[in-house]
Amino acid sequence: MWQLGLSITRRLAQADKKAVGRRYFASEAELKKTVLYDFHVANGGKMVPFAGWSMPIQYKDSIMESTVNCRQNGSLFDVSHMCGFSLKGKDCVPFLEKLVIADVAALAPGTGTLTVFTNEKGGAIDDSVITKVTDDHMYIVVNAGCRDKDLAHIEAHMKSFKAKGGDVSWHIHDERSLLALQVNFVFLSLSLLLLFSFFFSSLDLLLCLDIHELLQN
């Protein structure tokens, strides 16, 4: 029985590799590319299909070397395949609270939280990161693989919300790229300062300065 199970496992693994290969080559020409695609290739990035994008899964160094470097120093990740969009309007917070399980109103400007979009039965649709830029501006990031269903869900609820007089609009930031910086605690304050000042405004810059002062103390 053990040998039979081992044989079946090997056959399934070989079949899965062939299927993945077929999917890769069949859709390679249609894959989207981030603005850093040429950089990834030039630096030896192993590009693989992920949620309709060509993304680097590994570079010339080993996975262990990359992991150790990230933990000891820091790593910058290209996550431009993820979908970021803004909600604006005086009712954007109550609108978003109808869609996610988070106390959005309680968030201070310049802060965010991990949350989940739910359906009418309370089931999870997708997880998400939301940031309150101001009281009338929310920035949300959803997963690339769930982009279409997430946006369709939000759009359907937005039409209903606006039909009842709600003030909310949105913009999908396909014109932007998105980077994620994971760093050692020593570099945390500088990392936050650079990222927030780049993506947001002076409001978030002041928040980062407060964090920097907190870390110094």
Foldseek 3Di string as FASTA:
>chain_A
DVVVVVVVVVVVVVVVVVVQVVVFVVCVVQADEDPCNVVCVVQAFDWTDDLRHTAGPDHPDDPVVVVVCCAAFKDKGWPQLWWKKKKFWLCSQVLVVVFWPDNSVPDDALDKDKIFGADPVRHGLFIKIWHRNDNGMIMIITGSNSVVVVVVVSVVSVVVCVVVPGTMDMDIPNVDTDMDMRGYPVCVLVVQLVVCVVPGHVVNNVVSVVVVVVVVD
